[in-house]
């Protein structure tokens, strides 16, 4: 994105934030995040400057030079270091098979949980097939995988998600995301994309104005998945 494009993007964002409707919705989102943080025992920080060293940057496939993080909440839940925030950005999306691109505004509600295991895990992305055309450029270094070498996966899971990772570590990925875990994901993780990178679990859902219940569900799912992965790694580690 050039200098002129970035300037236009900033101006557009500033004008949009001044409308009464946007102000009211922003207040509602802030209140929902604050209430959840208070109940969960997290510390609410609000806006987070990605160029400031005071907070660890939440990475994952949505990180960019232009993203804006807000409603940042940090703390420990059930013994896991947990972060919740909303990230917004404008990304370039290819239109079909053409060489034309368009700008698309994205608002991600993100929950991250640091795993307990110290064993370096492979980078894994589990994305809904319907969002692949939008986000695929951000995880293009990973390869699409076909799961099922060690056990059969529920067809509903394979129909809904594409799984990406290193082909050389596909068997290990199956031991981390087992068919049993995949079954829960497809039935309980509604409109959620998943990433495991640098031993951190990331859950993403497109949600510009999340409610307190939606925030709680995303964090609960992230914690469940972290516990499942830690247990799987422990069970498969050499004794």
C-alpha atoms as a PDB file:
ATOM      1  CA  UNK A   1       0.000   0.000   0.000  1.00  0.00           C
ATOM      2  CA  UNK A   2       1.541   3.338  -1.087  1.00  0.00           C
ATOM      3  CA  UNK A   3       1.799   6.564   0.911  1.00  0.00           C
ATOM      4  CA  UNK A   4      -1.198   8.105  -0.863  1.00  0.00           C
ATOM      5  CA  UNK A   5      -3.337   5.012  -0.213  1.00  0.00           C
ATOM      6  CA  UNK A   6      -2.372   4.963   3.473  1.00  0.00           C
ATOM      7  CA  UNK A   7      -3.272   8.659   3.819  1.00  0.00           C
ATOM      8  CA  UNK A   8      -6.667   8.098   2.220  1.00  0.00           C
ATOM      9  CA  UNK A   9      -7.224   5.074   4.470  1.00  0.00           C
ATOM     10  CA  UNK A  10      -6.468   7.086   7.617  1.00  0.00           C
ATOM     11  CA  UNK A  11      -8.768   9.921   6.503  1.00  0.00           C
ATOM     12  CA  UNK A  12     -11.588   7.501   5.745  1.00  0.00           C
ATOM     13  CA  UNK A  13     -11.208   5.845   9.149  1.00  0.00           C
ATOM     14  CA  UNK A  14     -11.212   9.205  10.943  1.00  0.00           C
ATOM     15  CA  UNK A  15     -14.385  10.443   9.218  1.00  0.00           C
ATOM     16  CA  UNK A  16     -16.208   7.201   9.870  1.00  0.00           C
ATOM     17  CA  UNK A  17     -15.409   7.312  13.583  1.00  0.00           C
ATOM     18  CA  UNK A  18     -17.099  10.735  13.904  1.00  0.00           C
ATOM     19  CA  UNK A  19     -20.613   9.596  12.992  1.00  0.00           C
ATOM     20  CA  UNK A  20     -23.107   9.344  15.899  1.00  0.00           C
ATOM     21  CA  UNK A  21     -23.983   5.772  14.965  1.00  0.00           C
ATOM     22  CA  UNK A  22     -20.338   4.711  15.024  1.00  0.00           C
ATOM     23  CA  UNK A  23     -19.758   6.448  18.363  1.00  0.00           C
ATOM     24  CA  UNK A  24     -22.727   4.632  19.942  1.00  0.00           C
ATOM     25  CA  UNK A  25     -21.620   1.242  18.625  1.00  0.00           C
ATOM     26  CA  UNK A  26     -18.046   1.839  19.736  1.00  0.00           C
ATOM     27  CA  UNK A  27     -19.267   2.645  23.253  1.00  0.00           C
ATOM     28  CA  UNK A  28     -21.296  -0.577  23.340  1.00  0.00           C
ATOM     29  CA  UNK A  29     -18.290  -2.662  22.230  1.00  0.00           C
ATOM     30  CA  UNK A  30     -16.033  -1.009  24.813  1.00  0.00           C
ATOM     31  CA  UNK A  31     -18.566  -1.691  27.577  1.00  0.00           C
ATOM     32  CA  UNK A  32     -18.910  -5.347  26.529  1.00  0.00           C
ATOM     33  CA  UNK A  33     -15.137  -5.854  26.550  1.00  0.00           C
ATOM     34  CA  UNK A  34     -14.758  -4.089  29.905  1.00  0.00           C
ATOM     35  CA  UNK A  35     -17.507  -6.185  31.497  1.00  0.00           C
ATOM     36  CA  UNK A  36     -15.962  -9.394  30.220  1.00  0.00           C
ATOM     37  CA  UNK A  37     -12.511  -8.346  31.423  1.00  0.00           C
ATOM     38  CA  UNK A  38     -13.881  -7.561  34.889  1.00  0.00           C
ATOM     39  CA  UNK A  39     -15.673 -10.911  35.163  1.00  0.00           C
ATOM     40  CA  UNK A  40     -12.727 -12.911  33.815  1.00  0.00           C
ATOM     41  CA  UNK A  41     -10.120 -11.139  35.917  1.00  0.00           C
ATOM     42  CA  UNK A  42      -8.321  -9.597  32.940  1.00  0.00           C
ATOM     43  CA  UNK A  43      -6.789  -6.134  32.798  1.00  0.00           C
ATOM     44  CA  UNK A  44      -8.448  -3.827  30.271  1.00  0.00           C
ATOM     45  CA  UNK A  45      -6.013  -1.568  28.388  1.00  0.00           C
ATOM     46  CA  UNK A  46      -8.162  -0.292  25.520  1.00  0.00           C
ATOM     47  CA  UNK A  47      -6.234   0.951  22.481  1.00  0.00           C
ATOM     48  CA  UNK A  48      -2.879  -0.728  21.806  1.00  0.00           C
ATOM     49  CA  UNK A  49      -0.246   0.941  19.650  1.00  0.00           C
ATOM     50  CA  UNK A  50       1.547  -1.776  17.657  1.00  0.00           C
ATOM     51  CA  UNK A  51       4.701   0.380  17.633  1.00  0.00           C
ATOM     52  CA  UNK A  52       4.748   0.702  21.431  1.00  0.00           C
ATOM     53  CA  UNK A  53       6.914  -1.696  23.441  1.00  0.00           C
ATOM     54  CA  UNK A  54       4.628  -1.608  26.485  1.00  0.00           C
ATOM     55  CA  UNK A  55       2.611  -4.584  25.230  1.00  0.00           C
ATOM     56  CA  UNK A  56       3.606  -7.711  23.370  1.00  0.00           C
ATOM     57  CA  UNK A  57       2.311  -7.493  19.819  1.00  0.00           C
ATOM     58  CA  UNK A  58      -0.417 -10.001  19.041  1.00  0.00           C
ATOM     59  CA  UNK A  59       0.801 -11.597  15.844  1.00  0.00           C
ATOM     60  CA  UNK A  60      -0.859 -14.306  13.757  1.00  0.00           C
ATOM     61  CA  UNK A  61      -1.860 -14.071  10.115  1.00  0.00           C
ATOM     62  CA  UNK A  62      -3.809 -10.796  10.581  1.00  0.00           C
ATOM     63  CA  UNK A  63      -0.768  -8.783  11.693  1.00  0.00           C
ATOM     64  CA  UNK A  64       0.239  -5.962   9.322  1.00  0.00           C
ATOM     65  CA  UNK A  65       1.803  -2.510   9.234  1.00  0.00           C
ATOM     66  CA  UNK A  66      -1.657  -0.911   9.021  1.00  0.00           C
ATOM     67  CA  UNK A  67      -3.751  -2.872  11.507  1.00  0.00           C
ATOM     68  CA  UNK A  68      -5.262  -1.150  14.553  1.00  0.00           C
ATOM     69  CA  UNK A  69      -5.800  -3.007  17.846  1.00  0.00           C
ATOM     70  CA  UNK A  70      -8.379  -1.850  20.358  1.00  0.00           C
ATOM     71  CA  UNK A  71     -10.189  -3.031  23.505  1.00  0.00           C
ATOM     72  CA  UNK A  72      -7.079  -4.959  24.561  1.00  0.00           C
ATOM     73  CA  UNK A  73      -7.543  -7.257  27.574  1.00  0.00           C
ATOM     74  CA  UNK A  74      -4.670  -9.242  29.109  1.00  0.00           C
ATOM     75  CA  UNK A  75      -4.427 -11.660  32.015  1.00  0.00           C
ATOM     76  CA  UNK A  76      -4.538 -15.269  33.143  1.00  0.00           C
ATOM     77  CA  UNK A  77      -7.563 -17.571  32.954  1.00  0.00           C
ATOM     78  CA  UNK A  78      -7.475 -21.164  34.205  1.00  0.00           C
ATOM     79  CA  UNK A  79      -3.699 -20.923  34.403  1.00  0.00           C
ATOM     80  CA  UNK A  80      -3.277 -19.763  30.793  1.00  0.00           C
ATOM     81  CA  UNK A  81      -1.912 -16.396  29.663  1.00  0.00           C
ATOM     82  CA  UNK A  82      -4.795 -14.977  27.653  1.00  0.00           C
ATOM     83  CA  UNK A  83      -5.292 -11.942  25.425  1.00  0.00           C
ATOM     84  CA  UNK A  84      -8.488 -10.621  23.850  1.00  0.00           C
ATOM     85  CA  UNK A  85      -8.766  -7.707  21.458  1.00  0.00           C
ATOM     86  CA  UNK A  86     -10.435  -6.391  18.358  1.00  0.00           C
ATOM     87  CA  UNK A  87      -8.223  -5.828  15.315  1.00  0.00           C
ATOM     88  CA  UNK A  88      -9.312  -3.833  12.307  1.00  0.00           C
ATOM     89  CA  UNK A  89      -7.592  -3.372   8.987  1.00  0.00           C
ATOM     90  CA  UNK A  90      -8.225  -2.845   5.301  1.00  0.00           C
ATOM     91  CA  UNK A  91      -6.881  -5.609   3.114  1.00  0.00           C
ATOM     92  CA  UNK A  92      -6.559  -6.113  -0.642  1.00  0.00           C
ATOM     93  CA  UNK A  93      -8.772  -8.910  -1.928  1.00  0.00           C
ATOM     94  CA  UNK A  94      -8.504 -10.482  -5.349  1.00  0.00           C
ATOM     95  CA  UNK A  95     -11.774 -10.503  -7.294  1.00  0.00           C
ATOM     96  CA  UNK A  96     -12.325 -14.052  -8.472  1.00  0.00           C
ATOM     97  CA  UNK A  97      -9.701 -15.305 -10.921  1.00  0.00           C
ATOM     98  CA  UNK A  98      -9.071 -11.867 -12.384  1.00  0.00           C
ATOM     99  CA  UNK A  99      -6.079  -9.634 -11.724  1.00  0.00           C
ATOM    100  CA  UNK A 100      -8.328  -6.986 -10.198  1.00  0.00           C
ATOM    101  CA  UNK A 101      -8.294  -6.267  -6.474  1.00  0.00           C
ATOM    102  CA  UNK A 102     -10.565  -4.372  -4.133  1.00  0.00           C
ATOM    103  CA  UNK A 103     -10.178  -3.003  -0.611  1.00  0.00           C
ATOM    104  CA  UNK A 104     -12.107  -4.793   2.104  1.00  0.00           C
ATOM    105  CA  UNK A 105     -12.494  -3.618   5.686  1.00  0.00           C
ATOM    106  CA  UNK A 106     -12.085  -6.358   8.271  1.00  0.00           C
ATOM    107  CA  UNK A 107     -12.882  -6.408  11.974  1.00  0.00           C
ATOM    108  CA  UNK A 108     -11.543  -9.433  13.824  1.00  0.00           C
ATOM    109  CA  UNK A 109     -12.353 -10.360  17.377  1.00  0.00           C
ATOM    110  CA  UNK A 110      -9.225 -12.256  18.433  1.00  0.00           C
ATOM    111  CA  UNK A 111      -8.517 -14.458  21.443  1.00  0.00           C
ATOM    112  CA  UNK A 112      -5.014 -15.804  22.041  1.00  0.00           C
ATOM    113  CA  UNK A 113      -3.825 -18.354  24.588  1.00  0.00           C
ATOM    114  CA  UNK A 114      -0.191 -19.261  25.232  1.00  0.00           C
ATOM    115  CA  UNK A 115       0.311 -23.013  25.412  1.00  0.00           C
ATOM    116  CA  UNK A 116       2.086 -24.598  28.374  1.00  0.00           C
ATOM    117  CA  UNK A 117       4.075 -27.087  26.310  1.00  0.00           C
ATOM    118  CA  UNK A 118       7.661 -26.105  25.599  1.00  0.00           C
ATOM    119  CA  UNK A 119       7.962 -28.421  22.614  1.00  0.00           C
ATOM    120  CA  UNK A 120       8.057 -26.293  19.442  1.00  0.00           C
ATOM    121  CA  UNK A 121       4.840 -27.016  17.558  1.00  0.00           C
ATOM    122  CA  UNK A 122       4.332 -26.672  13.804  1.00  0.00           C
ATOM    123  CA  UNK A 123       2.586 -23.644  12.363  1.00  0.00           C
ATOM    124  CA  UNK A 124      -1.018 -24.669  11.652  1.00  0.00           C
ATOM    125  CA  UNK A 125      -3.893 -22.742  10.104  1.00  0.00           C
ATOM    126  CA  UNK A 126      -7.447 -24.115  10.073  1.00  0.00           C
ATOM    127  CA  UNK A 127      -9.602 -21.781   8.022  1.00  0.00           C
ATOM    128  CA  UNK A 128     -13.182 -21.854   6.859  1.00  0.00           C
ATOM    129  CA  UNK A 129     -13.314 -22.521   3.141  1.00  0.00           C
ATOM    130  CA  UNK A 130     -15.606 -19.556   2.572  1.00  0.00           C
ATOM    131  CA  UNK A 131     -12.974 -17.133   3.915  1.00  0.00           C
ATOM    132  CA  UNK A 132     -10.013 -18.626   2.036  1.00  0.00           C
ATOM    133  CA  UNK A 133     -10.283 -16.270  -0.971  1.00  0.00           C
ATOM    134  CA  UNK A 134     -10.097 -13.296   1.416  1.00  0.00           C
ATOM    135  CA  UNK A 135      -7.277 -14.294   3.756  1.00  0.00           C
ATOM    136  CA  UNK A 136      -5.225 -16.874   1.856  1.00  0.00           C
ATOM    137  CA  UNK A 137      -2.460 -14.446   0.916  1.00  0.00           C
ATOM    138  CA  UNK A 138      -1.645 -13.995   4.618  1.00  0.00           C
ATOM    139  CA  UNK A 139      -0.775 -17.672   5.132  1.00  0.00           C
ATOM    140  CA  UNK A 140       0.464 -18.492   1.638  1.00  0.00           C
ATOM    141  CA  UNK A 141       3.746 -19.857   3.037  1.00  0.00           C
ATOM    142  CA  UNK A 142       1.807 -22.847   4.406  1.00  0.00           C
ATOM    143  CA  UNK A 143       0.722 -25.795   2.286  1.00  0.00           C
ATOM    144  CA  UNK A 144      -2.807 -27.219   2.095  1.00  0.00           C
ATOM    145  CA  UNK A 145      -2.928 -30.588   3.838  1.00  0.00           C
ATOM    146  CA  UNK A 146      -5.170 -33.629   3.501  1.00  0.00           C
ATOM    147  CA  UNK A 147      -5.806 -35.086   6.936  1.00  0.00           C
ATOM    148  CA  UNK A 148      -6.643 -38.734   7.523  1.00  0.00           C
ATOM    149  CA  UNK A 149      -3.360 -40.623   7.308  1.00  0.00           C
ATOM    150  CA  UNK A 150      -3.635 -41.912  10.874  1.00  0.00           C
ATOM    151  CA  UNK A 151      -7.402 -41.754  11.504  1.00  0.00           C
ATOM    152  CA  UNK A 152     -10.612 -40.766   9.761  1.00  0.00           C
ATOM    153  CA  UNK A 153     -11.871 -37.209  10.196  1.00  0.00           C
ATOM    154  CA  UNK A 154     -15.518 -36.228  10.248  1.00  0.00           C
ATOM    155  CA  UNK A 155     -16.593 -35.271   6.738  1.00  0.00           C
ATOM    156  CA  UNK A 156     -18.406 -32.208   8.048  1.00  0.00           C
ATOM    157  CA  UNK A 157     -15.068 -30.894   9.357  1.00  0.00           C
ATOM    158  CA  UNK A 158     -13.305 -31.526   6.047  1.00  0.00           C
ATOM    159  CA  UNK A 159     -16.184 -29.877   4.158  1.00  0.00           C
ATOM    160  CA  UNK A 160     -16.065 -26.727   6.290  1.00  0.00           C
ATOM    161  CA  UNK A 161     -12.330 -26.178   6.782  1.00  0.00           C
ATOM    162  CA  UNK A 162      -9.101 -26.141   4.856  1.00  0.00           C
ATOM    163  CA  UNK A 163      -6.058 -27.143   6.895  1.00  0.00           C
ATOM    164  CA  UNK A 164      -2.645 -25.645   6.209  1.00  0.00           C
ATOM    165  CA  UNK A 165       0.817 -26.488   7.501  1.00  0.00           C
ATOM    166  CA  UNK A 166       4.115 -28.038   6.515  1.00  0.00           C
ATOM    167  CA  UNK A 167       3.615 -31.286   4.587  1.00  0.00           C
ATOM    168  CA  UNK A 168       6.630 -32.789   6.352  1.00  0.00           C
ATOM    169  CA  UNK A 169       4.823 -32.380   9.684  1.00  0.00           C
ATOM    170  CA  UNK A 170       1.353 -33.543   8.631  1.00  0.00           C
ATOM    171  CA  UNK A 171       1.403 -36.618  10.890  1.00  0.00           C
ATOM    172  CA  UNK A 172       2.393 -34.463  13.856  1.00  0.00           C
ATOM    173  CA  UNK A 173      -0.408 -32.029  13.024  1.00  0.00           C
ATOM    174  CA  UNK A 174      -2.891 -34.919  13.080  1.00  0.00           C
ATOM    175  CA  UNK A 175      -1.687 -35.814  16.571  1.00  0.00           C
ATOM    176  CA  UNK A 176      -2.261 -32.199  17.681  1.00  0.00           C
ATOM    177  CA  UNK A 177      -5.666 -31.720  15.997  1.00  0.00           C
ATOM    178  CA  UNK A 178      -7.158 -35.180  16.404  1.00  0.00           C
ATOM    179  CA  UNK A 179     -10.441 -36.358  14.832  1.00  0.00           C
ATOM    180  CA  UNK A 180     -12.052 -36.002  18.266  1.00  0.00           C
ATOM    181  CA  UNK A 181     -10.908 -32.386  18.555  1.00  0.00           C
ATOM    182  CA  UNK A 182     -11.992 -31.714  14.963  1.00  0.00           C
ATOM    183  CA  UNK A 183     -15.479 -32.989  15.754  1.00  0.00           C
ATOM    184  CA  UNK A 184     -15.857 -30.469  18.580  1.00  0.00           C
ATOM    185  CA  UNK A 185     -14.439 -27.676  16.425  1.00  0.00           C
ATOM    186  CA  UNK A 186     -16.946 -28.211  13.623  1.00  0.00           C
ATOM    187  CA  UNK A 187     -19.891 -28.394  16.036  1.00  0.00           C
ATOM    188  CA  UNK A 188     -18.995 -25.599  18.484  1.00  0.00           C
ATOM    189  CA  UNK A 189     -16.627 -23.166  16.711  1.00  0.00           C
ATOM    190  CA  UNK A 190     -19.151 -21.210  14.678  1.00  0.00           C
ATOM    191  CA  UNK A 191     -17.551 -18.878  12.083  1.00  0.00           C
ATOM    192  CA  UNK A 192     -14.122 -19.149  13.699  1.00  0.00           C
ATOM    193  CA  UNK A 193     -10.726 -19.559  12.066  1.00  0.00           C
ATOM    194  CA  UNK A 194      -7.892 -21.124  14.051  1.00  0.00           C
ATOM    195  CA  UNK A 195      -4.150 -20.681  14.014  1.00  0.00           C
ATOM    196  CA  UNK A 196      -1.365 -22.217  16.096  1.00  0.00           C
ATOM    197  CA  UNK A 197       1.866 -20.274  15.728  1.00  0.00           C
ATOM    198  CA  UNK A 198       4.913 -20.066  18.015  1.00  0.00           C
ATOM    199  CA  UNK A 199       3.062 -22.183  20.598  1.00  0.00           C
ATOM    200  CA  UNK A 200       0.178 -19.732  20.833  1.00  0.00           C
ATOM    201  CA  UNK A 201      -3.429 -20.533  19.933  1.00  0.00           C
ATOM    202  CA  UNK A 202      -5.224 -17.820  17.936  1.00  0.00           C
ATOM    203  CA  UNK A 203      -8.963 -17.785  17.357  1.00  0.00           C
ATOM    204  CA  UNK A 204     -10.389 -15.256  14.895  1.00  0.00           C
ATOM    205  CA  UNK A 205     -13.951 -14.336  14.113  1.00  0.00           C
ATOM    206  CA  UNK A 206     -15.216 -11.494  11.945  1.00  0.00           C
ATOM    207  CA  UNK A 207     -17.258  -9.387  14.347  1.00  0.00           C
ATOM    208  CA  UNK A 208     -17.353  -5.601  14.311  1.00  0.00           C
ATOM    209  CA  UNK A 209     -19.651  -5.268  17.332  1.00  0.00           C
ATOM    210  CA  UNK A 210     -19.263  -8.327  19.587  1.00  0.00           C
ATOM    211  CA  UNK A 211     -21.499  -8.874  22.580  1.00  0.00           C
ATOM    212  CA  UNK A 212     -20.219  -9.968  25.968  1.00  0.00           C
ATOM    213  CA  UNK A 213     -21.599 -13.478  25.342  1.00  0.00           C
ATOM    214  CA  UNK A 214     -19.757 -13.741  21.997  1.00  0.00           C
ATOM    215  CA  UNK A 215     -16.491 -12.601  23.593  1.00  0.00           C
ATOM    216  CA  UNK A 216     -16.887 -15.154  26.370  1.00  0.00           C
ATOM    217  CA  UNK A 217     -17.596 -17.969  23.916  1.00  0.00           C
ATOM    218  CA  UNK A 218     -14.528 -17.181  21.794  1.00  0.00           C
ATOM    219  CA  UNK A 219     -12.241 -17.124  24.839  1.00  0.00           C
ATOM    220  CA  UNK A 220     -13.806 -20.306  26.225  1.00  0.00           C
ATOM    221  CA  UNK A 221     -13.200 -22.078  22.914  1.00  0.00           C
ATOM    222  CA  UNK A 222      -9.579 -20.862  22.826  1.00  0.00           C
ATOM    223  CA  UNK A 223      -8.951 -22.137  26.353  1.00  0.00           C
ATOM    224  CA  UNK A 224     -10.543 -25.499  25.567  1.00  0.00           C
ATOM    225  CA  UNK A 225      -8.392 -25.908  22.468  1.00  0.00           C
ATOM    226  CA  UNK A 226      -5.230 -24.961  24.376  1.00  0.00           C
ATOM    227  CA  UNK A 227      -5.990 -27.600  27.010  1.00  0.00           C
ATOM    228  CA  UNK A 228      -6.663 -30.207  24.307  1.00  0.00           C
ATOM    229  CA  UNK A 229      -3.400 -29.433  22.524  1.00  0.00           C
ATOM    230  CA  UNK A 230      -1.324 -29.447  25.712  1.00  0.00           C
ATOM    231  CA  UNK A 231      -2.837 -32.805  26.683  1.00  0.00           C
ATOM    232  CA  UNK A 232      -2.224 -34.271  23.208  1.00  0.00           C
ATOM    233  CA  UNK A 233       1.396 -33.123  23.176  1.00  0.00           C
ATOM    234  CA  UNK A 234       2.001 -34.563  26.628  1.00  0.00           C
ATOM    235  CA  UNK A 235       0.457 -37.904  25.699  1.00  0.00           C
ATOM    236  CA  UNK A 236       2.532 -38.146  22.503  1.00  0.00           C
ATOM    237  CA  UNK A 237       5.828 -37.069  24.032  1.00  0.00           C
ATOM    238  CA  UNK A 238       8.550 -39.720  24.557  1.00  0.00           C
ATOM    239  CA  UNK A 239       8.673 -40.962  28.130  1.00  0.00           C
END
